[in-house]
C-alpha cells in the first residue's frame, strides 16, 4: 500500500513539473512592419506607383524585400539597432532607367515582453526617414505620418517621388 502511495506521489510531482508546449497564437501582436506609401510629389494627396520597385537591406545583397510595381510596401526594421538602411531601386530591370536611392530610417526601440511562447515584441518610436543625396535621386522627400510604429494597419511614412 505504501509503495502504491509513493508511486502515486511521484507521478503527481512529475506531472506538475511538466508544462505544455507553448505556441504563439497567430493573433498575438508581434514586431510590426514599417508601412510606407508612395505619393506624387506634384500632387501629394494622390498615391503614385513606383514602377518595378526593388527594396533590399544595404548590408544584404542577396535578400530582396520587395519586388513589384506598387504604391505601398511593408518592410521590417532592424530590431538590434536604432537605424535601418535600405536600397530603394525603381525601374530595377530596365538597365537604362534604373535608379537607386539609399534610404535610412532612424528610430528608438522599445522591447516589450509578450509571453514565453512569443518572447519579445519590438515597437519603434520617433521614426524618421531620409535618403543619401546624389545627383539623380528619385525620392524627393519623406513625410512621417505616424511617429510610432506599433500598428500593422496604418501608414507610418509617406515617400514623395
N, C-alpha and C. Protein backbone atom coordinates (compact mmCIF):
# COMPACT_ATOMS: atom_id res chain seq x y z
N UNK A 1 0.81 -1.19 0.00
CA UNK A 1 0.00 0.00 0.00
C UNK A 1 0.87 1.26 0.00
N UNK A 2 1.94 1.24 0.84
CA UNK A 2 2.83 2.39 0.89
C UNK A 2 3.53 2.57 -0.45
N UNK A 3 3.86 1.45 -1.08
CA UNK A 3 4.55 1.52 -2.36
C UNK A 3 3.67 2.20 -3.41
N UNK A 4 2.40 1.87 -3.46
CA UNK A 4 1.45 2.48 -4.39
C UNK A 4 1.30 3.97 -4.08
N UNK A 5 1.25 4.32 -2.80
CA UNK A 5 1.13 5.71 -2.38
C UNK A 5 2.33 6.52 -2.89
N UNK A 6 3.54 6.01 -2.73
CA UNK A 6 4.73 6.74 -3.15
C UNK A 6 4.84 6.82 -4.68
N UNK A 7 4.39 5.80 -5.35
CA UNK A 7 4.38 5.84 -6.82
C UNK A 7 3.40 6.91 -7.29
N UNK A 8 2.24 6.98 -6.66
CA UNK A 8 1.24 7.99 -6.99
C UNK A 8 1.76 9.40 -6.70
N UNK A 9 2.42 9.58 -5.56
CA UNK A 9 3.00 10.88 -5.21
C UNK A 9 4.08 11.27 -6.23
N UNK A 10 4.94 10.33 -6.58
CA UNK A 10 5.98 10.58 -7.55
C UNK A 10 5.39 10.96 -8.91
N UNK A 11 4.33 10.28 -9.31
CA UNK A 11 3.67 10.58 -10.58
C UNK A 11 3.06 11.98 -10.55
N UNK A 12 2.41 12.36 -9.48
CA UNK A 12 1.81 13.69 -9.38
C UNK A 12 2.86 14.80 -9.38
N UNK A 13 3.97 14.58 -8.70
CA UNK A 13 5.06 15.58 -8.70
C UNK A 13 5.64 15.73 -10.10
N UNK A 14 5.83 14.61 -10.78
CA UNK A 14 6.38 14.66 -12.14
C UNK A 14 5.40 15.34 -13.09
N UNK A 15 4.14 15.08 -12.93
CA UNK A 15 3.12 15.70 -13.79
C UNK A 15 3.06 17.21 -13.57
N UNK A 16 3.25 17.66 -12.34
CA UNK A 16 3.25 19.09 -12.05
C UNK A 16 4.45 19.80 -12.67
N UNK A 17 5.56 19.10 -12.80
CA UNK A 17 6.78 19.70 -13.35
C UNK A 17 6.68 19.86 -14.87
N UNK A 18 5.82 19.10 -15.51
CA UNK A 18 5.67 19.19 -16.96
C UNK A 18 4.81 20.38 -17.32
N UNK A 19 5.16 21.03 -18.39
CA UNK A 19 4.33 22.12 -18.91
C UNK A 19 4.01 21.82 -20.36
N UNK A 20 2.91 22.36 -20.80
CA UNK A 20 2.53 22.13 -22.20
C UNK A 20 3.44 22.96 -23.09
N UNK A 21 3.56 22.53 -24.33
CA UNK A 21 4.33 23.31 -25.29
C UNK A 21 3.58 24.60 -25.58
N UNK A 22 4.25 25.71 -25.42
CA UNK A 22 3.62 26.99 -25.71
C UNK A 22 3.76 27.29 -27.19
N UNK A 23 2.66 27.71 -27.76
CA UNK A 23 2.65 28.09 -29.17
C UNK A 23 2.15 29.52 -29.24
N UNK A 24 2.87 30.34 -29.96
CA UNK A 24 2.49 31.74 -30.10
C UNK A 24 1.26 31.82 -31.00
N UNK A 25 0.17 32.31 -30.46
CA UNK A 25 -1.08 32.47 -31.19
C UNK A 25 -0.90 33.43 -32.35
N UNK A 26 -1.45 33.11 -33.50
CA UNK A 26 -1.32 33.95 -34.69
C UNK A 26 -1.90 35.34 -34.47
N UNK A 27 -2.84 35.48 -33.56
CA UNK A 27 -3.48 36.76 -33.31
C UNK A 27 -2.70 37.64 -32.33
N UNK A 28 -1.63 37.10 -31.75
CA UNK A 28 -0.82 37.87 -30.81
C UNK A 28 0.02 38.87 -31.59
N UNK A 29 -0.04 40.15 -31.21
CA UNK A 29 0.77 41.15 -31.92
C UNK A 29 2.26 40.84 -31.82
N UNK A 30 2.94 40.91 -32.95
CA UNK A 30 4.38 40.71 -33.00
C UNK A 30 5.02 42.01 -33.47
N UNK A 31 6.31 41.99 -33.70
CA UNK A 31 7.01 43.19 -34.15
C UNK A 31 6.40 43.66 -35.47
N UNK A 32 5.93 44.91 -35.52
CA UNK A 32 5.26 45.40 -36.72
C UNK A 32 6.24 45.75 -37.83
N UNK A 33 5.74 45.69 -39.05
CA UNK A 33 6.50 46.13 -40.20
C UNK A 33 6.28 47.63 -40.40
N UNK A 34 7.24 48.28 -41.03
CA UNK A 34 7.12 49.69 -41.37
C UNK A 34 6.29 49.78 -42.65
N UNK A 35 5.17 50.50 -42.59
CA UNK A 35 4.29 50.64 -43.74
C UNK A 35 4.58 51.98 -44.41
N UNK A 36 4.93 51.89 -45.69
CA UNK A 36 5.31 53.07 -46.48
C UNK A 36 4.35 53.18 -47.66
N UNK A 37 3.84 54.39 -47.89
CA UNK A 37 3.07 54.65 -49.10
C UNK A 37 3.86 55.61 -49.97
N UNK A 38 3.67 55.48 -51.27
CA UNK A 38 4.34 56.34 -52.24
C UNK A 38 3.30 57.28 -52.84
N UNK A 39 3.62 58.59 -52.83
CA UNK A 39 2.67 59.58 -53.33
C UNK A 39 3.36 60.51 -54.32
N UNK A 40 2.55 61.13 -55.12
CA UNK A 40 3.01 62.03 -56.17
C UNK A 40 3.52 63.34 -55.56
N UNK A 41 4.75 63.71 -55.86
CA UNK A 41 5.32 64.95 -55.33
C UNK A 41 4.54 66.17 -55.82
N UNK A 42 4.11 66.14 -57.07
CA UNK A 42 3.37 67.27 -57.65
C UNK A 42 1.97 67.40 -57.04
N UNK A 43 1.39 66.29 -56.61
CA UNK A 43 0.06 66.31 -56.01
C UNK A 43 0.07 65.33 -54.83
N UNK A 44 0.56 65.78 -53.66
CA UNK A 44 0.80 64.87 -52.52
C UNK A 44 -0.42 64.11 -52.00
N UNK A 45 -1.61 64.48 -52.41
CA UNK A 45 -2.80 63.76 -51.97
C UNK A 45 -3.01 62.47 -52.76
N UNK A 46 -2.35 62.34 -53.90
CA UNK A 46 -2.55 61.19 -54.78
C UNK A 46 -1.44 60.17 -54.62
N UNK A 47 -1.85 58.92 -54.49
CA UNK A 47 -0.87 57.84 -54.48
C UNK A 47 -0.28 57.69 -55.87
N UNK A 48 0.98 57.24 -55.92
CA UNK A 48 1.66 57.07 -57.20
C UNK A 48 2.50 55.80 -57.15
N UNK A 49 2.24 54.91 -58.10
CA UNK A 49 3.01 53.66 -58.18
C UNK A 49 4.48 53.93 -58.44
N UNK A 50 5.32 53.07 -57.88
CA UNK A 50 6.73 53.03 -58.23
C UNK A 50 6.88 51.83 -59.15
N UNK A 51 7.35 52.08 -60.37
CA UNK A 51 7.47 51.03 -61.37
C UNK A 51 8.67 50.13 -61.06
N UNK A 52 8.39 48.84 -61.03
CA UNK A 52 9.43 47.82 -60.84
C UNK A 52 10.34 48.15 -59.64
N UNK A 53 9.73 48.35 -58.49
CA UNK A 53 10.45 48.68 -57.25
C UNK A 53 11.14 47.45 -56.68
N UNK A 54 12.38 47.63 -56.29
CA UNK A 54 13.14 46.60 -55.56
C UNK A 54 13.66 47.25 -54.30
N UNK A 55 13.43 46.60 -53.17
CA UNK A 55 13.93 47.10 -51.88
C UNK A 55 14.74 45.98 -51.24
N UNK A 56 15.96 46.33 -50.81
CA UNK A 56 16.79 45.35 -50.12
C UNK A 56 17.62 46.06 -49.06
N UNK A 57 17.97 45.33 -48.00
CA UNK A 57 18.85 45.91 -46.98
C UNK A 57 20.22 46.23 -47.57
N UNK A 58 20.84 47.30 -47.12
CA UNK A 58 22.14 47.70 -47.63
C UNK A 58 23.18 46.61 -47.41
N UNK A 59 23.16 45.98 -46.24
CA UNK A 59 24.20 45.01 -45.89
C UNK A 59 23.93 43.59 -46.37
N UNK A 60 22.82 43.35 -47.05
CA UNK A 60 22.49 42.01 -47.52
C UNK A 60 22.16 42.05 -49.00
N UNK A 61 23.13 41.72 -49.82
CA UNK A 61 22.95 41.81 -51.27
C UNK A 61 22.10 40.67 -51.84
N UNK A 62 21.79 39.67 -51.03
CA UNK A 62 21.03 38.53 -51.54
C UNK A 62 19.54 38.62 -51.21
N UNK A 63 19.16 39.42 -50.24
CA UNK A 63 17.77 39.46 -49.78
C UNK A 63 17.01 40.61 -50.44
N UNK A 64 15.93 40.27 -51.15
CA UNK A 64 15.05 41.28 -51.72
C UNK A 64 13.77 41.27 -50.90
N UNK A 65 13.41 42.43 -50.33
CA UNK A 65 12.21 42.53 -49.50
C UNK A 65 10.97 42.82 -50.33
N UNK A 66 11.14 43.59 -51.40
CA UNK A 66 10.03 43.96 -52.27
C UNK A 66 10.51 43.86 -53.70
N UNK A 67 9.66 43.33 -54.55
CA UNK A 67 9.92 43.28 -55.99
C UNK A 67 8.57 43.38 -56.68
N UNK A 68 8.14 44.63 -56.95
CA UNK A 68 6.81 44.82 -57.53
C UNK A 68 6.64 46.25 -58.00
N UNK A 69 5.63 46.47 -58.82
CA UNK A 69 5.17 47.82 -59.12
C UNK A 69 4.04 48.05 -58.13
N UNK A 70 4.21 49.06 -57.27
CA UNK A 70 3.27 49.24 -56.17
C UNK A 70 3.25 50.67 -55.68
N UNK A 71 2.20 51.00 -54.91
CA UNK A 71 2.13 52.32 -54.29
C UNK A 71 2.26 52.24 -52.77
N UNK A 72 2.52 51.03 -52.26
CA UNK A 72 2.74 50.87 -50.81
C UNK A 72 3.50 49.58 -50.55
N UNK A 73 4.29 49.62 -49.47
CA UNK A 73 5.07 48.44 -49.08
C UNK A 73 5.10 48.34 -47.56
N UNK A 74 5.46 47.18 -47.08
CA UNK A 74 5.68 46.94 -45.65
C UNK A 74 7.01 46.21 -45.52
N UNK A 75 7.94 46.81 -44.76
CA UNK A 75 9.28 46.22 -44.63
C UNK A 75 9.67 46.13 -43.16
N UNK A 76 10.51 45.15 -42.81
CA UNK A 76 10.94 45.02 -41.41
C UNK A 76 12.06 46.00 -41.08
N UNK A 77 12.04 46.49 -39.86
CA UNK A 77 13.12 47.34 -39.35
C UNK A 77 14.06 46.49 -38.52
N UNK A 78 15.29 46.95 -38.37
CA UNK A 78 16.30 46.25 -37.58
C UNK A 78 15.95 46.38 -36.10
N UNK A 79 15.74 45.25 -35.43
CA UNK A 79 15.36 45.27 -34.02
C UNK A 79 16.58 45.34 -33.10
N UNK A 80 17.78 45.30 -33.66
CA UNK A 80 19.00 45.33 -32.85
C UNK A 80 19.71 46.67 -32.87
N UNK A 81 19.30 47.58 -33.73
CA UNK A 81 19.92 48.89 -33.83
C UNK A 81 18.85 49.95 -34.02
N UNK A 82 19.23 51.22 -33.84
CA UNK A 82 18.29 52.33 -33.98
C UNK A 82 18.30 52.92 -35.37
N UNK A 83 18.79 52.18 -36.34
CA UNK A 83 18.79 52.61 -37.74
C UNK A 83 18.65 51.38 -38.63
N UNK A 84 17.91 51.56 -39.71
CA UNK A 84 17.80 50.54 -40.75
C UNK A 84 18.08 51.23 -42.07
N UNK A 85 18.92 50.61 -42.90
CA UNK A 85 19.27 51.19 -44.19
C UNK A 85 18.90 50.24 -45.31
N UNK A 86 18.31 50.82 -46.35
CA UNK A 86 17.84 50.04 -47.49
C UNK A 86 18.23 50.71 -48.79
N UNK A 87 18.27 49.92 -49.85
CA UNK A 87 18.41 50.44 -51.20
C UNK A 87 17.06 50.33 -51.87
N UNK A 88 16.50 51.46 -52.27
CA UNK A 88 15.22 51.52 -52.98
C UNK A 88 15.56 51.76 -54.45
N UNK A 89 15.24 50.80 -55.30
CA UNK A 89 15.54 50.90 -56.72
C UNK A 89 14.24 50.91 -57.52
N UNK A 90 14.05 51.93 -58.33
CA UNK A 90 12.90 51.94 -59.25
C UNK A 90 13.40 51.56 -60.63
N UNK A 91 12.50 51.01 -61.44
CA UNK A 91 12.86 50.50 -62.78
C UNK A 91 14.04 49.53 -62.67
N UNK A 92 13.94 48.64 -61.73
CA UNK A 92 15.06 47.76 -61.39
C UNK A 92 15.53 46.87 -62.54
N UNK A 93 14.65 46.50 -63.44
CA UNK A 93 15.05 45.60 -64.52
C UNK A 93 15.35 46.34 -65.83
N UNK A 94 15.22 47.65 -65.82
CA UNK A 94 15.49 48.45 -67.01
C UNK A 94 16.90 49.04 -66.88
N UNK A 95 17.84 48.52 -67.64
CA UNK A 95 19.23 48.94 -67.48
C UNK A 95 19.45 50.42 -67.80
N UNK A 96 18.61 51.02 -68.63
CA UNK A 96 18.77 52.44 -68.97
C UNK A 96 18.10 53.37 -67.96
N UNK A 97 17.02 52.93 -67.36
CA UNK A 97 16.23 53.80 -66.47
C UNK A 97 16.37 53.47 -64.99
N UNK A 98 17.13 52.46 -64.63
CA UNK A 98 17.24 52.08 -63.22
C UNK A 98 17.81 53.23 -62.39
N UNK A 99 17.29 53.36 -61.17
CA UNK A 99 17.73 54.45 -60.29
C UNK A 99 17.61 53.96 -58.85
N UNK A 100 18.71 54.04 -58.11
CA UNK A 100 18.74 53.53 -56.73
C UNK A 100 19.03 54.66 -55.75
N UNK A 101 18.21 54.73 -54.69
CA UNK A 101 18.44 55.66 -53.60
C UNK A 101 18.72 54.88 -52.32
N UNK A 102 19.68 55.36 -51.56
CA UNK A 102 19.99 54.76 -50.26
C UNK A 102 19.13 55.47 -49.21
N UNK A 103 18.30 54.69 -48.52
CA UNK A 103 17.32 55.24 -47.58
C UNK A 103 17.64 54.78 -46.17
N UNK A 104 17.55 55.70 -45.21
CA UNK A 104 17.78 55.38 -43.81
C UNK A 104 16.52 55.71 -43.00
N UNK A 105 16.19 54.82 -42.10
CA UNK A 105 15.13 55.08 -41.13
C UNK A 105 15.76 55.04 -39.75
N UNK A 106 15.58 56.11 -38.98
CA UNK A 106 16.08 56.17 -37.61
C UNK A 106 14.89 56.15 -36.67
N UNK A 107 15.11 55.58 -35.48
CA UNK A 107 14.02 55.39 -34.53
C UNK A 107 14.59 55.00 -33.17
N UNK A 108 13.72 54.96 -32.18
CA UNK A 108 14.04 54.41 -30.86
C UNK A 108 13.28 53.09 -30.73
N UNK A 109 13.93 52.11 -30.13
CA UNK A 109 13.31 50.78 -29.97
C UNK A 109 12.76 50.60 -28.57
N UNK A 110 11.66 49.87 -28.48
CA UNK A 110 11.09 49.51 -27.20
C UNK A 110 10.72 48.03 -27.25
N UNK A 111 11.46 47.21 -26.49
CA UNK A 111 11.19 45.77 -26.45
C UNK A 111 10.21 45.48 -25.33
N UNK A 112 9.13 44.83 -25.68
CA UNK A 112 8.07 44.50 -24.73
C UNK A 112 7.93 42.99 -24.66
N UNK A 113 7.98 42.44 -23.45
CA UNK A 113 7.80 41.00 -23.28
C UNK A 113 6.34 40.65 -23.52
N UNK A 114 6.08 39.71 -24.43
CA UNK A 114 4.73 39.30 -24.75
C UNK A 114 4.33 38.11 -23.89
N UNK A 115 5.03 37.00 -24.04
CA UNK A 115 4.85 35.80 -23.23
C UNK A 115 5.96 34.82 -23.59
N UNK A 116 5.96 33.68 -22.94
CA UNK A 116 7.04 32.73 -23.16
C UNK A 116 7.04 32.19 -24.59
N UNK A 117 5.89 31.98 -25.14
CA UNK A 117 5.81 31.43 -26.49
C UNK A 117 6.22 32.44 -27.56
N UNK A 118 5.81 33.68 -27.38
CA UNK A 118 6.07 34.71 -28.40
C UNK A 118 7.32 35.53 -28.11
N UNK A 119 7.84 35.43 -26.89
CA UNK A 119 9.05 36.15 -26.47
C UNK A 119 8.79 37.66 -26.47
N UNK A 120 9.65 38.41 -27.17
CA UNK A 120 9.56 39.87 -27.15
C UNK A 120 8.96 40.41 -28.44
N UNK A 121 8.37 41.57 -28.32
CA UNK A 121 7.83 42.33 -29.44
C UNK A 121 8.54 43.67 -29.40
N UNK A 122 9.06 44.11 -30.53
CA UNK A 122 9.74 45.40 -30.59
C UNK A 122 8.83 46.40 -31.29
N UNK A 123 8.65 47.56 -30.65
CA UNK A 123 7.96 48.66 -31.31
C UNK A 123 8.98 49.77 -31.52
N UNK A 124 8.67 50.68 -32.41
CA UNK A 124 9.61 51.72 -32.80
C UNK A 124 8.95 53.08 -32.60
N UNK A 125 9.67 54.00 -31.95
CA UNK A 125 9.15 55.33 -31.68
C UNK A 125 10.01 56.38 -32.38
N UNK A 126 9.43 57.53 -32.64
CA UNK A 126 10.12 58.69 -33.22
C UNK A 126 10.80 58.33 -34.54
N UNK A 127 10.07 57.67 -35.42
CA UNK A 127 10.65 57.25 -36.70
C UNK A 127 10.78 58.42 -37.66
N UNK A 128 11.89 58.44 -38.37
CA UNK A 128 12.15 59.44 -39.40
C UNK A 128 12.83 58.77 -40.58
N UNK A 129 12.53 59.25 -41.77
CA UNK A 129 13.16 58.73 -42.97
C UNK A 129 14.00 59.79 -43.64
N UNK A 130 15.07 59.36 -44.28
CA UNK A 130 15.93 60.26 -45.05
C UNK A 130 16.62 59.45 -46.13
N UNK A 131 17.26 60.14 -47.04
CA UNK A 131 18.00 59.46 -48.11
C UNK A 131 19.35 60.13 -48.27
N UNK A 132 20.27 59.38 -48.80
CA UNK A 132 21.58 59.92 -49.12
C UNK A 132 21.45 60.69 -50.43
N UNK A 133 21.85 61.96 -50.41
CA UNK A 133 21.71 62.80 -51.59
C UNK A 133 22.73 62.41 -52.66
N UNK A 134 22.25 62.36 -53.90
CA UNK A 134 23.14 62.19 -55.05
C UNK A 134 22.56 63.00 -56.21
N UNK A 135 23.15 62.92 -57.36
CA UNK A 135 22.72 63.75 -58.49
C UNK A 135 21.42 63.29 -59.14
N UNK A 136 21.00 62.07 -58.85
CA UNK A 136 19.81 61.56 -59.55
C UNK A 136 18.81 60.89 -58.61
N UNK A 137 18.56 61.48 -57.45
CA UNK A 137 17.59 60.90 -56.53
C UNK A 137 16.19 60.89 -57.14
N UNK A 138 15.51 59.78 -57.05
CA UNK A 138 14.13 59.72 -57.47
C UNK A 138 13.19 59.98 -56.30
N UNK A 139 13.65 59.71 -55.09
CA UNK A 139 12.87 60.03 -53.89
C UNK A 139 13.13 61.50 -53.57
N UNK A 140 12.06 62.28 -53.49
CA UNK A 140 12.21 63.71 -53.26
C UNK A 140 12.15 64.05 -51.77
N UNK A 141 11.17 63.48 -51.06
CA UNK A 141 11.08 63.78 -49.63
C UNK A 141 10.30 62.70 -48.89
N UNK A 142 10.36 62.81 -47.55
CA UNK A 142 9.68 61.88 -46.65
C UNK A 142 8.71 62.67 -45.78
N UNK A 143 7.58 62.07 -45.49
CA UNK A 143 6.66 62.64 -44.52
C UNK A 143 6.35 61.56 -43.49
N UNK A 144 6.56 61.90 -42.22
CA UNK A 144 6.21 60.96 -41.16
C UNK A 144 4.73 61.12 -40.87
N UNK A 145 3.96 60.06 -41.08
CA UNK A 145 2.52 60.09 -40.85
C UNK A 145 2.22 59.73 -39.41
N UNK A 146 2.89 58.71 -38.91
CA UNK A 146 2.74 58.24 -37.53
C UNK A 146 4.13 57.99 -36.98
N UNK A 147 4.51 58.68 -35.91
CA UNK A 147 5.86 58.54 -35.35
C UNK A 147 6.10 57.21 -34.68
N UNK A 148 5.05 56.55 -34.23
CA UNK A 148 5.20 55.28 -33.52
C UNK A 148 4.78 54.12 -34.41
N UNK A 149 5.71 53.20 -34.60
CA UNK A 149 5.43 52.01 -35.40
C UNK A 149 5.07 50.89 -34.43
N UNK A 150 3.77 50.79 -34.15
CA UNK A 150 3.28 49.71 -33.30
C UNK A 150 1.98 49.14 -33.82
N UNK A 151 1.52 49.66 -34.94
CA UNK A 151 0.27 49.24 -35.55
C UNK A 151 0.60 48.66 -36.93
N UNK A 152 -0.08 47.60 -37.30
CA UNK A 152 0.21 46.96 -38.59
C UNK A 152 -0.81 47.33 -39.66
N UNK A 153 -1.67 48.30 -39.37
CA UNK A 153 -2.73 48.62 -40.33
C UNK A 153 -2.65 50.02 -40.90
N UNK A 154 -1.83 50.89 -40.36
CA UNK A 154 -1.79 52.27 -40.86
C UNK A 154 -0.43 52.65 -41.39
N UNK A 155 -0.42 53.65 -42.27
CA UNK A 155 0.80 54.14 -42.88
C UNK A 155 1.66 54.85 -41.82
N UNK A 156 2.96 54.59 -41.85
CA UNK A 156 3.88 55.25 -40.94
C UNK A 156 4.67 56.35 -41.64
N UNK A 157 5.10 56.07 -42.87
CA UNK A 157 5.92 57.01 -43.65
C UNK A 157 5.34 57.13 -45.05
N UNK A 158 5.33 58.35 -45.57
CA UNK A 158 4.98 58.58 -46.97
C UNK A 158 6.22 59.08 -47.69
N UNK A 159 6.50 58.48 -48.83
CA UNK A 159 7.62 58.91 -49.67
C UNK A 159 7.03 59.61 -50.88
N UNK A 160 7.49 60.84 -51.09
CA UNK A 160 7.05 61.62 -52.26
C UNK A 160 8.09 61.45 -53.36
N UNK A 161 7.60 61.16 -54.56
CA UNK A 161 8.52 60.98 -55.70
C UNK A 161 7.88 61.50 -56.96
